Amino acid sequence: MPANIIDSLQVKPNKEVSLYNWKCNGLKKINKEEAERTLEQDLIKNMSELQYKLFADKSQALLIILQGLSAAGKDSTVRSVMNAFNPQNCRAISFKVPSEQERSHDYLWRIHNLVPAKGDIAIFNRSHYEDVVEVRVRKLLPRSIWSKRYQQINEFENYLDSNNIRIIKLFLLISKKEQKRRLEQRIRDPVKQWKLTESDLSEPFIYDSYINAYQETLSKCSTDWAPWYIIPADAKWLRNYLIAQIIIKTLKEMNLKFPKPKFDILKFINS
């Protein structure tokens, strides 16, 4: 896939974002059948090989952050794309409403506690960005508190990056129409009803409030060290294909290397 397509998904630092008018250049050139075949035959294998190299290298870690409105496909992305990773050194963590213990600490405490170790990958299904989006939309905290968190988060992520923890942030952009369709599907499907919460059912009515909150978040928190990517998520095949490409590109940029043996292997080969 041409690099300029991935570039078109990335939010540039200090750029104002309008999600209502977001255009991803070149996406019409992607063929569905070819993308699905490439993901299954090449990209999943490539991700697995790069993860193995990351584990062997053990000098860096990768943190993947998934954000999106209800029904945007965060869980589905973990199942469909992240299954390329060996679970021995990859964890998927879902952040729910903070526990009593977590509320007794600063809001980044539970996040920092689960940052991946060197050689590992962590996938955050929701993250510290709930503390600037959810609290804003649901009016859980005053603006005077959550508005300061943009800069705090940027500094926190810069600290992680400075300590060799590479960060990818993926915002799954789902349309209001598609979100409504998926939520209605969950309501009718007994197998999926367990996933519903009362707040999920209210989301279509406050869709615009979430979009406005995410527009400001993406604009203020996409940095050179922790960029945001806007992923069109109405089509699951396209979402999966683009995310796999971004992960592979990032892992390749980390310049991973297999370490040299700590003993002379030639002695055993020649003996």
Protein backbone atom coordinates (compact mmCIF):
# COMPACT_ATOMS: atom_id res chain seq x y z
CA MET A 1 0.00 0.00 0.00
CA PRO A 2 1.40 3.43 -0.88
CA ALA A 3 2.86 5.28 2.12
CA ASN A 4 0.85 8.38 1.27
CA ILE A 5 -2.38 6.55 2.18
CA ILE A 6 -1.10 5.90 5.72
CA ASP A 7 0.11 9.51 5.86
CA SER A 8 -3.39 10.70 4.94
CA LEU A 9 -4.77 8.94 8.03
CA GLN A 10 -2.32 10.60 10.41
CA VAL A 11 -3.28 13.75 12.27
CA LYS A 12 -0.44 16.22 11.99
CA PRO A 13 0.65 18.01 15.17
CA ASN A 14 -1.30 21.18 15.97
CA LYS A 15 -3.69 20.59 13.09
CA GLU A 16 -7.38 21.41 13.59
CA VAL A 17 -9.45 18.30 12.92
CA SER A 18 -12.95 18.24 11.45
CA LEU A 19 -14.22 14.68 11.66
CA TYR A 20 -17.39 15.59 9.79
CA ASN A 21 -15.31 16.50 6.73
CA TRP A 22 -12.49 14.01 7.18
CA LYS A 23 -11.23 12.71 3.85
CA CYS A 24 -8.72 9.87 3.63
CA ASN A 25 -6.96 10.37 0.30
CA GLY A 26 -6.48 7.34 -1.87
CA LEU A 27 -8.82 4.98 -0.01
CA LYS A 28 -10.97 4.51 -3.09
CA LYS A 29 -7.97 2.87 -4.73
CA ILE A 30 -8.03 0.00 -2.22
CA ASN A 31 -9.76 -3.10 -3.53
CA LYS A 32 -11.72 -5.08 -0.93
CA GLU A 33 -10.89 -8.57 -2.17
CA GLU A 34 -7.22 -7.75 -2.60
CA ALA A 35 -7.05 -6.10 0.83
CA GLU A 36 -8.65 -9.09 2.57
CA ARG A 37 -6.32 -11.49 0.77
CA THR A 38 -3.26 -9.39 1.60
CA LEU A 39 -4.24 -9.18 5.27
CA GLU A 40 -4.76 -12.93 5.56
CA GLN A 41 -1.75 -14.06 3.54
CA ASP A 42 0.89 -11.40 4.17
CA LEU A 43 0.16 -8.78 6.81
CA ILE A 44 -0.76 -11.10 9.68
CA LYS A 45 2.41 -13.13 9.04
CA ASN A 46 4.50 -9.96 8.84
CA MET A 47 3.09 -8.67 12.14
CA SER A 48 3.89 -11.97 13.83
CA GLU A 49 7.48 -11.96 12.57
CA LEU A 50 8.05 -8.36 13.67
CA GLN A 51 6.63 -9.10 17.11
CA TYR A 52 9.09 -11.99 17.45
CA LYS A 53 11.92 -9.63 16.53
CA LEU A 54 10.67 -7.07 19.09
CA PHE A 55 10.67 -9.77 21.77
CA ALA A 56 14.20 -10.87 20.86
CA ASP A 57 15.51 -7.30 20.66
CA LYS A 58 14.10 -6.36 24.09
CA SER A 59 15.22 -2.74 23.84
CA GLN A 60 11.81 -1.27 22.99
CA ALA A 61 8.09 -1.82 23.58
CA LEU A 62 4.95 -1.04 21.59
CA LEU A 63 1.76 0.47 23.01
CA ILE A 64 -1.32 0.42 20.74
CA ILE A 65 -4.25 2.59 21.86
CA LEU A 66 -7.73 1.97 20.46
CA GLN A 67 -10.38 4.65 20.93
CA GLY A 68 -13.79 5.10 19.37
CA LEU A 69 -17.47 5.52 20.02
CA SER A 70 -19.59 2.56 21.13
CA ALA A 71 -19.89 -0.08 18.37
CA ALA A 72 -16.93 1.38 16.46
CA GLY A 73 -15.25 -2.04 16.50
CA LYS A 74 -12.56 -1.90 19.18
CA ASP A 75 -13.19 -5.47 20.39
CA SER A 76 -13.51 -6.72 16.83
CA THR A 77 -10.18 -5.13 15.91
CA VAL A 78 -8.44 -6.92 18.76
CA ARG A 79 -9.92 -10.26 17.63
CA SER A 80 -9.35 -9.77 13.91
CA VAL A 81 -6.00 -7.99 13.69
CA MET A 82 -4.18 -8.44 16.98
CA ASN A 83 -4.55 -12.22 16.85
CA ALA A 84 -1.37 -12.07 14.79
CA PHE A 85 0.53 -11.52 18.03
CA ASN A 86 1.82 -14.25 20.33
CA PRO A 87 -0.02 -13.82 23.66
CA GLN A 88 3.17 -14.71 25.56
CA ASN A 89 4.38 -11.16 25.14
CA CYS A 90 1.23 -9.30 24.17
CA ARG A 91 -1.59 -8.16 26.43
CA ALA A 92 -4.95 -6.66 25.51
CA ILE A 93 -6.32 -4.51 28.34
CA SER A 94 -9.86 -3.13 28.45
CA PHE A 95 -10.28 -0.04 30.60
CA LYS A 96 -13.66 0.19 32.30
CA VAL A 97 -15.03 2.63 34.87
CA PRO A 98 -12.21 3.26 37.41
CA SER A 99 -12.31 1.14 40.55
CA GLU A 100 -12.29 2.65 44.02
CA GLN A 101 -8.56 2.01 44.28
CA GLU A 102 -7.91 3.60 40.89
CA ARG A 103 -9.99 6.67 41.80
CA SER A 104 -7.85 7.14 44.90
CA HIS A 105 -4.81 7.79 42.63
CA ASP A 106 -4.20 10.27 39.85
CA TYR A 107 -5.98 9.39 36.59
CA LEU A 108 -2.78 8.23 34.87
CA TRP A 109 -1.82 5.82 37.65
CA ARG A 110 -3.76 2.84 36.30
CA ILE A 111 -2.46 3.56 32.80
CA HIS A 112 1.21 3.74 33.73
CA ASN A 113 0.83 0.57 35.75
CA LEU A 114 -0.02 -1.40 32.58
CA VAL A 115 2.48 0.07 30.12
CA PRO A 116 4.30 -2.77 28.29
CA ALA A 117 7.75 -3.97 29.33
CA LYS A 118 10.63 -3.89 26.85
CA GLY A 119 10.07 -6.57 24.21
CA ASP A 120 6.31 -6.61 24.78
CA ILE A 121 3.19 -5.21 23.14
CA ALA A 122 0.18 -3.83 25.01
CA ILE A 123 -3.16 -3.05 23.38
CA PHE A 124 -5.32 -0.58 25.29
CA ASN A 125 -9.01 -0.95 24.50
CA ARG A 126 -9.97 2.54 25.69
CA SER A 127 -7.32 4.38 27.69
CA HIS A 128 -6.41 7.60 29.46
CA TYR A 129 -8.29 9.41 26.69
CA GLU A 130 -11.53 8.49 28.44
CA ASP A 131 -10.40 11.06 31.02
CA VAL A 132 -10.71 13.89 28.52
CA VAL A 133 -13.55 12.56 26.33
CA GLU A 134 -15.97 10.62 28.54
CA VAL A 135 -15.71 13.01 31.48
CA ARG A 136 -16.37 15.91 29.11
CA VAL A 137 -19.35 14.40 27.28
CA ARG A 138 -20.98 12.99 30.41
CA LYS A 139 -20.14 16.13 32.41
CA LEU A 140 -18.41 14.11 35.12
CA LEU A 141 -15.80 16.81 35.76
CA PRO A 142 -15.66 20.56 35.15
CA ARG A 143 -13.80 21.92 32.13
CA SER A 144 -11.25 23.55 34.45
CA ILE A 145 -10.00 20.03 35.33
CA TRP A 146 -10.22 17.99 32.11
CA SER A 147 -8.95 20.79 29.86
CA LYS A 148 -5.56 20.67 31.61
CA ARG A 149 -5.17 17.01 30.80
CA TYR A 150 -4.32 17.45 27.13
CA GLN A 151 -0.90 18.83 28.00
CA GLN A 152 -0.43 16.35 30.85
CA ILE A 153 -1.13 13.44 28.48
CA ASN A 154 1.27 14.81 25.86
CA GLU A 155 4.02 15.05 28.48
CA PHE A 156 3.24 11.55 29.79
CA GLU A 157 3.42 10.05 26.30
CA ASN A 158 6.62 11.96 25.56
CA TYR A 159 8.11 10.45 28.71
CA LEU A 160 7.13 6.94 27.54
CA ASP A 161 8.56 7.54 24.08
CA SER A 162 11.80 8.84 25.60
CA ASN A 163 12.03 5.53 27.42
CA ASN A 164 11.71 3.51 24.20
CA ILE A 165 7.99 2.78 24.40
CA ARG A 166 6.61 3.47 20.94
CA ILE A 167 2.95 4.57 20.82
CA ILE A 168 0.33 4.15 18.10
CA LYS A 169 -3.06 5.79 18.68
CA LEU A 170 -5.98 4.65 16.53
CA PHE A 171 -9.31 6.46 16.50
CA LEU A 172 -11.99 4.31 14.89
CA LEU A 173 -14.31 6.74 13.13
CA ILE A 174 -17.81 5.32 12.71
CA SER A 175 -20.71 7.19 11.13
CA LYS A 176 -23.83 7.99 13.09
CA LYS A 177 -25.89 5.80 10.76
CA GLU A 178 -23.59 2.79 11.10
CA GLN A 179 -23.35 3.15 14.87
CA LYS A 180 -27.15 3.13 15.13
CA ARG A 181 -27.35 0.03 12.91
CA ARG A 182 -24.80 -1.90 14.98
CA LEU A 183 -26.36 -0.97 18.31
CA GLU A 184 -29.79 -2.04 17.04
CA GLN A 185 -28.24 -5.30 15.90
CA ARG A 186 -26.89 -5.88 19.41
CA ILE A 187 -30.30 -5.21 20.91
CA ARG A 188 -31.88 -7.88 18.70
CA ASP A 189 -29.10 -10.47 19.07
CA PRO A 190 -29.21 -12.43 22.38
CA VAL A 191 -25.56 -13.36 21.92
CA LYS A 192 -24.53 -9.69 21.85
CA GLN A 193 -26.95 -8.19 24.35
CA TRP A 194 -24.52 -8.73 27.21
CA LYS A 195 -22.23 -6.10 25.71
CA LEU A 196 -24.84 -3.37 26.00
CA THR A 197 -24.90 -0.76 28.75
CA GLU A 198 -27.37 2.03 29.40
CA SER A 199 -24.78 4.56 28.28
CA ASP A 200 -24.40 2.68 24.95
CA LEU A 201 -28.10 3.16 24.23
CA SER A 202 -27.82 6.90 24.81
CA GLU A 203 -24.77 7.38 22.57
CA PRO A 204 -26.63 7.86 19.25
CA PHE A 205 -28.42 10.82 20.84
CA ILE A 206 -25.13 12.47 21.87
CA TYR A 207 -23.07 11.38 18.85
CA ASP A 208 -22.21 14.98 17.99
CA SER A 209 -21.00 15.65 21.53
CA TYR A 210 -18.55 12.75 21.25
CA ILE A 211 -17.38 13.84 17.81
CA ASN A 212 -16.74 17.38 19.07
CA ALA A 213 -14.82 16.03 22.07
CA TYR A 214 -12.69 13.77 19.88
CA GLN A 215 -12.01 16.57 17.38
CA GLU A 216 -10.38 18.63 20.11
CA THR A 217 -8.58 15.64 21.57
CA LEU A 218 -7.09 14.58 18.23
CA SER A 219 -6.09 18.16 17.43
CA LYS A 220 -4.35 18.74 20.75
CA CYS A 221 -2.84 15.30 21.39
CA SER A 222 -1.43 14.15 18.06
CA THR A 223 2.32 14.62 18.37
CA ASP A 224 5.48 13.57 16.60
CA TRP A 225 6.16 11.03 19.36
CA ALA A 226 2.60 9.70 19.67
CA PRO A 227 0.56 10.36 16.52
CA TRP A 228 -3.16 9.81 16.14
CA TYR A 229 -4.48 7.93 13.11
CA ILE A 230 -8.10 8.31 12.05
CA ILE A 231 -9.36 4.95 10.82
CA PRO A 232 -12.57 4.79 8.76
CA ALA A 233 -14.44 2.04 10.63
CA ASP A 234 -17.78 1.60 8.86
CA ALA A 235 -16.21 -1.12 6.68
CA LYS A 236 -14.56 -3.73 8.90
CA TRP A 237 -12.31 -5.09 6.16
CA LEU A 238 -10.90 -1.63 5.45
CA ARG A 239 -10.42 -0.89 9.16
CA ASN A 240 -8.48 -4.14 9.69
CA TYR A 241 -6.34 -3.69 6.59
CA LEU A 242 -5.33 -0.11 7.45
CA ILE A 243 -4.55 -0.88 11.10
CA ALA A 244 -2.33 -3.84 10.15
CA GLN A 245 -0.43 -1.61 7.71
CA ILE A 246 0.13 1.08 10.36
CA ILE A 247 1.38 -1.44 12.93
CA ILE A 248 3.80 -3.00 10.45
CA LYS A 249 5.10 0.42 9.36
CA THR A 250 5.68 1.42 13.00
CA LEU A 251 7.45 -1.81 13.95
CA LYS A 252 9.73 -1.51 10.92
CA GLU A 253 10.61 2.07 11.86
CA MET A 254 11.77 0.82 15.27
CA ASN A 255 14.82 -0.70 13.54
CA LEU A 256 14.64 -3.92 15.56
CA LYS A 257 17.57 -6.32 15.58
CA PHE A 258 18.16 -9.86 16.70
CA PRO A 259 20.83 -9.81 19.43
CA LYS A 260 24.08 -11.61 18.85
CA PRO A 261 24.66 -14.86 20.77
CA LYS A 262 26.47 -14.49 24.08
CA PHE A 263 28.78 -17.40 23.30
CA ASP A 264 30.74 -18.68 20.32
CA ILE A 265 28.29 -20.80 18.32
CA LEU A 266 31.01 -21.74 15.82
CA LYS A 267 32.56 -23.97 18.47
CA PHE A 268 29.45 -26.13 18.43
CA ILE A 269 29.01 -26.01 14.65
CA ASN A 270 32.63 -27.09 14.00
CA SER A 271 32.88 -29.66 16.79
